[in-house]
Amino acid sequence: MKYHRYHINTKNTPLEDLLIFKTVVNRSEICINCGICQTACPYDVHERNANFRAVGVHEQEAGIATKGWSWFDMPKMASPKNANCTTCFHCVNECPVGALSLSSNPDYKTHGDDYYTPGTIETVLFESKTGRVPVSGAGYRGPFAGEGFDGIWTDMSEIVRPTRDGIHGRESISTAVMIGRKPKKILPGSSQNAAAAVELGLPLVFNEPPAFAARDKNLSQSLLRAAEDIQTLALLDADDAQEKSSPHAVACFKNSSLSWKGPEAPKICQIDLSAQKMNDWPACWEKTKATWPQTMVMVKIALENAAIPQIVRLAEMGAEIFHLSASPRAKTTDGLHLTQALRTADEALIEAGLRDEVTLVASGGLTAAEHLAKSILCGADVIAIDVAYLIALGVTRFKTDGAGIEIEGPAIFPAPHIAVQRLKNLAGSWRDQLLEILGAMGMRDVQRMTGDTGRMMLNEELEKEFKALFKPMRKQDDPNYG
């Protein structure tokens, strides 16, 4: 067997008609076109016009000879490229006549909502355009604590001198994961009826498109081609999956009523039990397995605390994969954050002795590479992204709530060859950031990070421990207390 090192080919792929920028560079009429701003700016915001020869003058007669036209070079500055501006104010400070000023772009805040902020959208667009790790410059500008993902810190104990640094190629770090049923033991002479586990190149799959884009042929084609290129899966409507007939397509059914006309059973399918009564879940799963014994069945469940006993029961019956979904804002149906509910489900399966046998896929509100790593630490094996890839493909004006996502106007996606490359860029950027975290933790395999709560620090718990170090203030110590 020939060794093959996993790699995602990235390539700069801009969306020409989509520019989101926070700052507008204003050039007033007093500009003397000296060009100092061009040399001062390292981000190519300022450039001269391509045609320098702007003025032609017919010279007067000189003696008996008549001279022709003379051209005066007018190095007029072109309009600033606002999308390149990082608001460093260097050009403003260097301008000798004070002709430059910066102002906020009023269009900037019309993208996304309070959860998918314009800054988050800008980051995803950069990742999907370049395939690179976004670098903010002088220091981290985000929150140090908050709800959900913002309240989780990773224990990067080897960040100063990492022993493993896969992003630079000195030592390979594996991001491959196995999905499917993994039995504890195989007895000699026994026949295993479970579907064979499948290896993915990275712990990320493309979730089923939302309702407004569910039947978009370009989108489903782009998702599947990108999944094939990066060795992962694309969850598609059953009819689309049937047409594509690819091992990387997961046929998604709304319930256990399986409408499939293909000559062969799908390799992997998903049944959505979110709308079914919990007591009916075992019967739905048994019906699907009876129809396709060799098909790997992914059970999609709207995650909540009440569903966890049923998840354990299905795992005891032999279920292979659980797709635990939350709202686009990472909230479960009972109001918990996805990270908290994931830890509860992971712990319940551990107590039942079944965690290593099944695969947990988490989805809902996952918009950053850090969410990939933090979801895995909370117990997920794989994450499924949806809104993130919509942003990468140019859907930036939308609102989200507990029910789903609502966009402004029609959804227009780029041509498949552009969309595929941008999806690959997004996956490549997130994988590189995952490699950075694994290297800082000293890990060589992402599967070792699954549910490793010892490498995760919770702000809420750390604050409790810190406050416990101090004695409570009493009335006799401070008369103004209380």
Protein backbone atom coordinates (compact mmCIF):
# COMPACT_ATOMS: atom_id res chain seq x y z
CA MET A 1 0.00 0.00 0.00
CA LYS A 2 1.38 3.37 -1.03
CA TYR A 3 1.53 6.10 1.62
CA HIS A 4 -0.42 9.23 0.75
CA ARG A 5 -0.25 12.39 2.81
CA TYR A 6 -3.58 14.14 3.05
CA HIS A 7 -3.63 17.61 1.55
CA ILE A 8 -6.28 20.10 0.42
CA ASN A 9 -5.35 22.12 -2.66
CA THR A 10 -6.25 25.76 -2.08
CA LYS A 11 -6.28 28.55 -4.63
CA ASN A 12 -7.17 32.24 -4.45
CA THR A 13 -10.78 32.39 -5.69
CA PRO A 14 -12.53 35.74 -5.23
CA LEU A 15 -16.18 36.53 -5.79
CA GLU A 16 -15.84 39.64 -7.91
CA ASP A 17 -19.28 41.04 -7.15
CA LEU A 18 -19.04 40.60 -3.36
CA LEU A 19 -17.00 43.08 -1.34
CA ILE A 20 -17.60 43.56 2.38
CA PHE A 21 -15.52 46.23 4.05
CA LYS A 22 -15.79 48.11 7.31
CA THR A 23 -13.99 51.32 6.38
CA VAL A 24 -14.40 53.85 3.58
CA VAL A 25 -11.32 55.86 2.57
CA ASN A 26 -12.26 59.40 1.59
CA ARG A 27 -10.00 61.49 -0.68
CA SER A 28 -10.89 65.19 -0.77
CA GLU A 29 -10.39 67.68 -3.60
CA ILE A 30 -7.31 69.20 -1.96
CA CYS A 31 -5.31 66.07 -2.85
CA ILE A 32 -2.11 67.12 -4.67
CA ASN A 33 -1.59 63.63 -6.16
CA CYS A 34 1.86 63.33 -4.65
CA GLY A 35 1.56 59.54 -4.24
CA ILE A 36 2.91 59.41 -0.69
CA CYS A 37 -0.16 57.42 0.39
CA GLN A 38 0.69 54.77 -2.21
CA THR A 39 4.16 54.21 -0.80
CA ALA A 40 2.89 54.38 2.79
CA CYS A 41 0.14 51.74 2.41
CA PRO A 42 1.31 48.09 2.41
CA TYR A 43 -2.18 46.82 1.47
CA ASP A 44 -2.48 48.39 -2.01
CA VAL A 45 -5.40 50.61 -1.05
CA HIS A 46 -3.93 53.55 -2.98
CA GLU A 47 -2.84 53.38 -6.61
CA ARG A 48 -2.26 55.82 -9.43
CA ASN A 49 -4.44 55.88 -12.51
CA ALA A 50 -3.19 53.58 -15.24
CA ASN A 51 -3.09 56.42 -17.81
CA PHE A 52 -0.69 59.05 -16.50
CA ARG A 53 -0.79 61.22 -19.64
CA ALA A 54 -3.94 63.13 -18.89
CA VAL A 55 -3.29 66.57 -20.50
CA GLY A 56 -2.04 67.42 -24.01
CA VAL A 57 -0.96 70.96 -25.01
CA HIS A 58 -0.17 72.29 -28.51
CA GLU A 59 2.89 74.47 -28.12
CA GLN A 60 3.20 77.94 -29.66
CA GLU A 61 5.47 78.73 -32.60
CA ALA A 62 9.10 79.12 -31.68
CA GLY A 63 10.97 81.04 -34.36
CA ILE A 64 10.40 79.46 -37.75
CA ALA A 65 9.76 75.94 -36.42
CA THR A 66 6.45 74.75 -34.99
CA LYS A 67 6.58 72.16 -32.25
CA GLY A 68 3.95 69.43 -31.99
CA TRP A 69 1.92 68.21 -29.06
CA SER A 70 3.48 67.96 -25.61
CA TRP A 71 2.05 65.69 -22.94
CA PHE A 72 2.13 66.56 -19.29
CA ASP A 73 2.06 63.56 -16.95
CA MET A 74 -0.65 64.08 -14.35
CA PRO A 75 -0.11 61.37 -11.70
CA LYS A 76 -3.67 61.51 -10.47
CA MET A 77 -4.56 58.97 -7.76
CA ALA A 78 -7.21 56.35 -8.47
CA SER A 79 -10.18 55.73 -6.20
CA PRO A 80 -9.11 53.92 -3.00
CA LYS A 81 -9.69 50.16 -2.78
CA ASN A 82 -11.80 50.20 0.37
CA ALA A 83 -11.95 46.41 0.67
CA ASN A 84 -8.18 46.28 1.26
CA CYS A 85 -8.16 48.84 4.09
CA THR A 86 -7.29 47.58 7.58
CA THR A 87 -7.97 50.93 9.31
CA CYS A 88 -4.35 51.43 10.34
CA PHE A 89 -4.55 55.23 9.62
CA HIS A 90 -1.00 55.22 8.22
CA CYS A 91 -2.02 56.92 4.99
CA VAL A 92 -4.03 59.53 6.91
CA ASN A 93 -1.03 60.37 9.09
CA GLU A 94 1.41 60.50 6.17
CA CYS A 95 -0.69 62.69 3.84
CA PRO A 96 1.10 66.09 3.72
CA VAL A 97 -2.06 68.12 3.06
CA GLY A 98 -4.62 66.18 5.13
CA ALA A 99 -6.63 65.11 2.11
CA LEU A 100 -7.43 61.62 3.44
CA SER A 101 -9.93 60.57 6.08
CA LEU A 102 -11.60 57.32 7.14
CA SER A 103 -15.28 56.72 7.88
CA SER A 104 -17.51 53.75 8.67
CA ASN A 105 -19.21 51.94 5.82
CA PRO A 106 -22.99 52.04 6.49
CA ASP A 107 -23.49 48.92 4.33
CA TYR A 108 -21.20 46.84 6.57
CA LYS A 109 -23.76 46.19 9.31
CA THR A 110 -26.45 45.04 6.87
CA HIS A 111 -24.70 41.67 6.51
CA GLY A 112 -25.67 38.88 8.90
CA ASP A 113 -27.25 39.44 12.30
CA ASP A 114 -26.25 39.59 15.96
CA TYR A 115 -25.04 35.95 15.96
CA TYR A 116 -23.44 35.84 12.52
CA THR A 117 -21.80 39.23 12.89
CA PRO A 118 -20.32 41.16 9.95
CA GLY A 119 -16.87 40.38 11.38
CA THR A 120 -17.62 36.64 11.36
CA ILE A 121 -18.88 36.86 7.78
CA GLU A 122 -15.80 38.81 6.75
CA THR A 123 -13.55 36.11 8.24
CA VAL A 124 -15.37 33.25 6.48
CA LEU A 125 -15.21 35.14 3.18
CA PHE A 126 -11.46 35.62 3.60
CA GLU A 127 -10.95 31.93 4.41
CA SER A 128 -13.01 30.77 1.43
CA LYS A 129 -11.28 33.24 -0.88
CA THR A 130 -7.67 32.52 0.05
CA GLY A 131 -7.63 29.19 1.91
CA ARG A 132 -5.29 30.81 4.43
CA VAL A 133 -5.42 31.24 8.18
CA PRO A 134 -6.80 34.71 8.99
CA VAL A 135 -4.35 36.83 10.96
CA SER A 136 -5.76 39.86 12.77
CA GLY A 137 -2.43 41.62 13.27
CA ALA A 138 -1.52 43.17 16.60
CA GLY A 139 -3.27 40.95 19.10
CA TYR A 140 -6.57 39.15 19.52
CA ARG A 141 -9.57 41.46 19.16
CA GLY A 142 -12.41 39.13 20.09
CA PRO A 143 -14.02 38.36 23.46
CA PHE A 144 -12.03 36.47 26.08
CA ALA A 145 -15.14 34.99 27.68
CA GLY A 146 -18.82 34.67 26.99
CA GLU A 147 -21.56 32.17 26.33
CA GLY A 148 -21.09 28.86 24.55
CA PHE A 149 -17.97 28.65 22.42
CA ASP A 150 -16.63 31.94 23.80
CA GLY A 151 -16.62 30.43 27.29
CA ILE A 152 -14.30 27.56 26.28
CA TRP A 153 -10.52 27.84 26.22
CA THR A 154 -8.20 25.16 24.88
CA ASP A 155 -5.23 23.93 26.90
CA MET A 156 -2.31 24.64 24.56
CA SER A 157 0.36 23.49 27.00
CA GLU A 158 3.02 23.11 24.30
CA ILE A 159 2.36 26.29 22.36
CA VAL A 160 5.72 27.86 23.33
CA ARG A 161 7.72 24.90 22.06
CA PRO A 162 5.38 22.57 20.19
CA THR A 163 6.65 19.04 19.65
CA ARG A 164 4.35 18.60 16.66
CA ASP A 165 3.82 21.26 14.04
CA GLY A 166 1.93 19.71 11.15
CA ILE A 167 0.97 22.93 9.37
CA HIS A 168 4.63 23.52 8.46
CA GLY A 169 5.27 19.93 7.49
CA ARG A 170 7.85 18.97 10.09
CA GLU A 171 5.69 16.17 11.42
CA SER A 172 2.39 14.84 10.19
CA ILE A 173 -0.71 15.33 12.32
CA SER A 174 -3.65 13.18 11.31
CA THR A 175 -7.06 14.78 10.88
CA ALA A 176 -8.63 11.56 9.57
CA VAL A 177 -11.67 10.18 11.40
CA MET A 178 -13.62 6.94 11.12
CA ILE A 179 -17.40 7.15 11.09
CA GLY A 180 -19.73 4.23 11.59
CA ARG A 181 -20.19 1.46 14.12
CA LYS A 182 -16.98 0.30 15.74
CA PRO A 183 -17.64 -2.90 17.74
CA LYS A 184 -15.79 -3.42 21.01
CA LYS A 185 -14.64 -6.88 19.99
CA ILE A 186 -14.91 -9.37 17.18
CA LEU A 187 -15.40 -12.97 18.25
CA PRO A 188 -13.78 -15.72 16.13
CA GLY A 189 -16.28 -17.24 13.74
CA SER A 190 -18.88 -14.51 14.29
CA SER A 191 -20.43 -12.66 11.35
CA GLN A 192 -20.56 -8.87 11.63
CA ASN A 193 -23.76 -7.54 10.07
CA ALA A 194 -22.91 -3.87 10.58
CA ALA A 195 -21.91 -1.65 7.67
CA ALA A 196 -18.19 -1.07 7.33
CA ALA A 197 -16.83 2.15 8.86
CA VAL A 198 -15.82 4.93 6.47
CA GLU A 199 -12.71 7.10 6.77
CA LEU A 200 -12.94 10.86 6.23
CA GLY A 201 -9.97 13.10 5.55
CA LEU A 202 -11.06 15.63 8.16
CA PRO A 203 -13.80 15.83 10.83
CA LEU A 204 -16.07 18.05 8.75
CA VAL A 205 -19.00 17.27 6.44
CA PHE A 206 -21.35 19.49 4.46
CA ASN A 207 -24.81 19.56 6.00
CA GLU A 208 -28.02 19.35 4.01
CA PRO A 209 -28.85 22.72 2.36
CA PRO A 210 -31.67 24.76 3.96
CA ALA A 211 -35.14 24.80 2.45
CA PHE A 212 -34.59 27.82 0.18
CA ALA A 213 -31.65 26.05 -1.53
CA ALA A 214 -32.61 22.40 -1.14
CA ARG A 215 -33.36 21.88 -4.84
CA ASP A 216 -30.60 24.08 -6.27
CA LYS A 217 -28.72 21.80 -8.68
CA ASN A 218 -25.60 23.98 -8.80
CA LEU A 219 -25.32 23.99 -5.02
CA SER A 220 -25.77 20.23 -4.59
CA GLN A 221 -23.30 19.58 -7.40
CA SER A 222 -20.75 21.94 -5.82
CA LEU A 223 -21.12 20.39 -2.37
CA LEU A 224 -20.67 16.88 -3.72
CA ARG A 225 -17.65 17.73 -5.88
CA ALA A 226 -15.98 19.52 -2.99
CA ALA A 227 -16.71 16.55 -0.69
CA GLU A 228 -15.14 14.18 -3.20
CA ASP A 229 -12.03 16.34 -3.53
CA ILE A 230 -11.41 16.66 0.22
CA GLN A 231 -12.50 13.08 1.05
CA THR A 232 -15.56 13.83 3.13
CA LEU A 233 -19.36 13.65 2.82
CA ALA A 234 -22.14 15.87 1.51
CA LEU A 235 -25.62 15.45 2.98
CA LEU A 236 -28.09 15.83 0.11
CA ASP A 237 -31.79 15.38 -0.49
CA ALA A 238 -32.50 11.73 -1.31
CA ASP A 239 -33.49 12.54 -4.90
CA ASP A 240 -30.27 14.48 -5.49
CA ALA A 241 -28.17 11.75 -3.91
CA GLN A 242 -29.90 9.18 -6.09
CA GLU A 243 -29.07 11.17 -9.24
CA LYS A 244 -25.44 11.69 -8.25
CA SER A 245 -24.83 8.05 -7.23
CA SER A 246 -21.61 8.87 -5.38
CA PRO A 247 -20.16 7.18 -2.27
CA HIS A 248 -19.58 10.68 -0.87
CA ALA A 249 -23.30 11.57 -1.01
CA VAL A 250 -25.48 10.89 2.03
CA ALA A 251 -29.12 10.37 1.05
CA CYS A 252 -31.29 12.34 3.50
CA PHE A 253 -34.86 11.22 4.20
CA LYS A 254 -37.38 13.23 6.20
CA ASN A 255 -38.49 10.12 8.07
CA SER A 256 -38.32 6.33 7.82
CA SER A 257 -40.51 6.32 4.69
CA LEU A 258 -37.69 5.50 2.29
CA SER A 259 -38.39 6.60 -1.27
CA TRP A 260 -35.48 5.21 -3.27
CA LYS A 261 -35.52 4.03 -6.88
CA GLY A 262 -31.82 3.35 -7.35
CA PRO A 263 -30.59 -0.09 -8.41
CA GLU A 264 -28.52 -0.37 -5.23
CA ALA A 265 -29.08 0.73 -1.67
CA PRO A 266 -27.23 3.90 -0.65
CA LYS A 267 -23.93 3.42 1.14
CA ILE A 268 -24.91 5.97 3.81
CA CYS A 269 -28.33 7.46 4.49
CA GLN A 270 -29.82 9.81 7.05
CA ILE A 271 -33.28 9.58 8.58
CA ASP A 272 -34.58 12.72 10.26
CA LEU A 273 -36.42 11.79 13.45
CA SER A 274 -36.70 15.36 14.77
CA ALA A 275 -40.42 15.53 13.99
CA GLN A 276 -41.15 11.99 15.24
CA LYS A 277 -42.21 11.07 18.76
CA MET A 278 -39.27 9.85 20.82
CA ASN A 279 -40.98 6.54 21.58
CA ASP A 280 -41.17 5.86 17.82
CA TRP A 281 -37.45 6.34 17.20
CA PRO A 282 -36.40 2.70 17.78
CA ALA A 283 -39.10 1.40 15.40
CA CYS A 284 -38.06 3.90 12.70
CA TRP A 285 -34.43 2.87 12.98
CA GLU A 286 -35.27 -0.85 12.93
CA LYS A 287 -37.43 -0.36 9.83
CA THR A 288 -34.58 1.38 7.99
CA LYS A 289 -32.01 -1.27 8.96
CA ALA A 290 -34.40 -4.05 7.95
CA THR A 291 -34.76 -2.45 4.52
CA TRP A 292 -31.02 -1.83 4.02
CA PRO A 293 -28.96 -4.04 6.38
CA GLN A 294 -25.62 -3.04 4.83
CA THR A 295 -26.36 0.68 4.71
CA MET A 296 -24.85 2.93 7.34
CA VAL A 297 -27.76 4.82 8.91
CA MET A 298 -27.27 8.30 10.33
CA VAL A 299 -30.01 9.22 12.78
CA LYS A 300 -30.73 12.97 12.89
CA ILE A 301 -32.12 14.17 16.21
CA ALA A 302 -32.96 17.65 17.47
CA LEU A 303 -30.68 17.71 20.49
CA GLU A 304 -32.19 18.22 23.95
CA ASN A 305 -31.75 16.66 27.38
CA ALA A 306 -34.96 14.64 27.06
CA ALA A 307 -33.60 12.92 23.93
CA ILE A 308 -30.41 11.60 25.53
CA PRO A 309 -31.95 8.42 27.08
CA GLN A 310 -33.36 7.54 23.66
CA ILE A 311 -29.94 8.13 22.09
CA VAL A 312 -28.44 5.64 24.54
CA ARG A 313 -31.24 3.18 23.77
CA LEU A 314 -30.64 3.44 20.02
CA ALA A 315 -26.91 2.94 20.59
CA GLU A 316 -27.67 -0.23 22.54
CA MET A 317 -29.76 -1.45 19.60
CA GLY A 318 -26.82 -0.98 17.22
CA ALA A 319 -27.22 2.52 15.75
CA GLU A 320 -24.05 3.69 14.03
CA ILE A 321 -24.16 7.49 13.66
CA PHE A 322 -26.09 10.17 15.53
CA HIS A 323 -26.51 13.58 13.94
CA LEU A 324 -27.20 15.87 16.90
CA SER A 325 -28.55 19.12 15.50
CA ALA A 326 -29.12 22.50 17.10
CA SER A 327 -30.58 25.73 15.75
CA PRO A 328 -28.51 28.06 13.52
CA ARG A 329 -27.69 29.92 16.74
CA ALA A 330 -26.28 26.78 18.42
CA LYS A 331 -29.27 26.42 20.75
CA THR A 332 -31.06 23.16 21.53
CA THR A 333 -34.84 22.86 21.65
CA ASP A 334 -34.78 23.19 25.45
CA GLY A 335 -32.62 26.33 25.39
CA LEU A 336 -29.20 24.86 26.16
CA HIS A 337 -26.11 25.71 24.18
CA LEU A 338 -24.86 23.05 21.79
CA THR A 339 -21.59 22.63 23.70
CA GLN A 340 -23.35 21.91 26.99
CA ALA A 341 -25.79 19.42 25.43
CA LEU A 342 -22.96 17.69 23.56
CA ARG A 343 -21.03 17.11 26.78
CA THR A 344 -24.15 15.65 28.41
CA ALA A 345 -24.75 13.25 25.51
CA ASP A 346 -21.09 12.23 25.44
CA GLU A 347 -21.06 11.52 29.18
CA ALA A 348 -24.29 9.49 28.97
CA LEU A 349 -22.82 7.25 26.27
CA ILE A 350 -19.61 6.85 28.27
CA GLU A 351 -21.57 5.75 31.35
CA ALA A 352 -23.41 3.21 29.19
CA GLY A 353 -20.10 1.90 27.83
CA LEU A 354 -21.08 2.71 24.25
CA ARG A 355 -19.24 5.92 23.38
CA ASP A 356 -16.37 4.33 21.45
CA GLU A 357 -18.76 2.29 19.32
CA VAL A 358 -20.81 5.13 17.81
CA THR A 359 -20.14 8.35 15.91
CA LEU A 360 -21.51 11.74 16.98
CA VAL A 361 -22.01 14.43 14.34
CA ALA A 362 -22.81 17.93 15.65
CA SER A 363 -24.39 20.78 13.69
CA GLY A 364 -25.90 24.20 14.31
CA GLY A 365 -24.23 27.58 14.74
CA LEU A 366 -20.74 26.40 13.71
CA THR A 367 -19.16 29.33 11.88
CA ALA A 368 -15.50 29.40 12.87
CA ALA A 369 -12.56 27.02 12.87
CA GLU A 370 -12.38 27.25 16.65
CA HIS A 371 -15.93 25.83 16.80
CA LEU A 372 -14.62 22.71 15.06
CA ALA A 373 -11.98 22.08 17.71
CA LYS A 374 -14.22 23.02 20.65
CA SER A 375 -17.08 20.81 19.44
CA ILE A 376 -14.68 17.87 19.26
CA LEU A 377 -13.46 18.58 22.79
CA CYS A 378 -17.10 18.57 23.93
CA GLY A 379 -17.61 15.07 22.50
CA ALA A 380 -18.36 15.33 18.79
CA ASP A 381 -16.46 13.16 16.32
CA VAL A 382 -17.44 15.23 13.28
CA ILE A 383 -19.19 18.55 12.67
CA ALA A 384 -21.63 19.40 9.86
CA ILE A 385 -21.52 22.97 8.55
CA ASP A 386 -24.31 24.74 6.70
CA VAL A 387 -24.53 28.52 7.20
CA ALA A 388 -20.73 28.72 6.98
CA TYR A 389 -20.66 27.32 3.45
CA LEU A 390 -23.59 29.53 2.44
CA ILE A 391 -21.55 32.56 3.52
CA ALA A 392 -18.55 31.22 1.59
CA LEU A 393 -20.72 31.08 -1.52
CA GLY A 394 -21.90 34.68 -1.17
CA VAL A 395 -25.06 34.49 0.95
CA THR A 396 -24.38 37.28 3.44
CA ARG A 397 -27.68 39.12 3.91
CA PHE A 398 -29.82 36.92 6.13
CA LYS A 399 -31.39 36.57 9.56
CA THR A 400 -31.44 33.51 11.79
CA ASP A 401 -33.69 32.33 14.60
CA GLY A 402 -34.60 29.08 16.30
CA ALA A 403 -36.55 27.92 13.25
CA GLY A 404 -33.86 28.41 10.62
CA ILE A 405 -32.38 30.97 8.26
CA GLU A 406 -34.19 33.58 6.20
CA ILE A 407 -32.38 35.35 3.37
CA GLU A 408 -33.05 38.68 1.67
CA GLY A 409 -33.95 38.19 -1.97
CA PRO A 410 -33.22 35.13 -4.12
CA ALA A 411 -30.24 32.87 -3.46
CA ILE A 412 -27.80 33.10 -6.36
CA PHE A 413 -24.80 30.80 -6.10
CA PRO A 414 -21.59 31.04 -8.14
CA ALA A 415 -20.71 28.67 -10.95
CA PRO A 416 -19.76 25.16 -9.73
CA HIS A 417 -16.04 25.49 -10.54
CA ILE A 418 -15.83 28.66 -8.40
CA ALA A 419 -18.05 27.29 -5.63
CA VAL A 420 -16.09 24.03 -5.37
CA GLN A 421 -12.78 25.83 -4.97
CA ARG A 422 -14.16 28.23 -2.36
CA LEU A 423 -15.55 25.29 -0.36
CA LYS A 424 -12.16 23.58 -0.56
CA ASN A 425 -10.47 26.81 0.55
CA LEU A 426 -12.79 27.04 3.56
CA ALA A 427 -12.12 23.43 4.55
CA GLY A 428 -8.37 23.90 4.03
CA SER A 429 -8.26 27.01 6.21
CA TRP A 430 -10.24 25.33 9.01
CA ARG A 431 -8.04 22.24 8.83
CA ASP A 432 -4.87 24.34 9.11
CA GLN A 433 -6.26 26.06 12.19
CA LEU A 434 -7.20 22.68 13.66
CA LEU A 435 -3.62 21.54 13.03
CA GLU A 436 -2.33 24.59 14.90
CA ILE A 437 -4.45 23.69 17.92
CA LEU A 438 -3.44 20.02 17.80
CA GLY A 439 0.22 20.98 17.51
CA ALA A 440 -0.05 23.34 20.47
CA MET A 441 -1.63 20.49 22.45
CA GLY A 442 1.10 18.07 21.43
CA MET A 443 -1.36 15.69 19.74
CA ARG A 444 -0.74 13.69 16.57
CA ASP A 445 -4.29 12.51 15.95
CA VAL A 446 -7.54 14.48 16.06
CA GLN A 447 -9.42 11.39 17.26
CA ARG A 448 -7.51 11.59 20.55
CA MET A 449 -9.09 14.99 21.17
CA THR A 450 -12.69 13.71 21.04
CA GLY A 451 -14.33 14.34 24.41
CA ASP A 452 -10.98 15.15 26.05
CA THR A 453 -12.41 17.58 28.59
CA GLY A 454 -9.07 17.61 30.39
CA ARG A 455 -7.70 19.73 27.55
CA MET A 456 -10.62 22.14 27.78
CA MET A 457 -10.98 25.01 30.24
CA LEU A 458 -14.41 26.45 30.98
CA ASN A 459 -14.52 30.10 31.97
CA GLU A 460 -17.52 29.51 34.24
CA GLU A 461 -15.73 26.82 36.26
CA LEU A 462 -12.49 28.80 36.46
CA GLU A 463 -14.34 31.85 37.77
CA LYS A 464 -15.99 29.75 40.49
CA GLU A 465 -12.62 28.36 41.56
CA PHE A 466 -11.10 31.83 41.59
CA LYS A 467 -13.92 33.39 43.63
CA ALA A 468 -13.73 30.52 46.13
CA LEU A 469 -10.22 31.68 47.06
CA PHE A 470 -11.61 34.81 48.69
CA LYS A 471 -13.60 34.98 51.91
CA PRO A 472 -17.05 36.52 51.54
CA MET A 473 -17.30 40.10 52.78
CA ARG A 474 -19.10 40.47 56.10
CA LYS A 475 -21.01 43.35 57.65
CA GLN A 476 -18.53 43.77 60.48
CA ASP A 477 -15.66 44.12 57.96
CA ASP A 478 -17.42 46.61 55.73
CA PRO A 479 -20.45 48.56 57.02
CA ASN A 480 -21.42 49.44 53.45
CA TYR A 481 -21.57 45.78 52.38
CA GLY A 482 -25.04 44.64 51.28
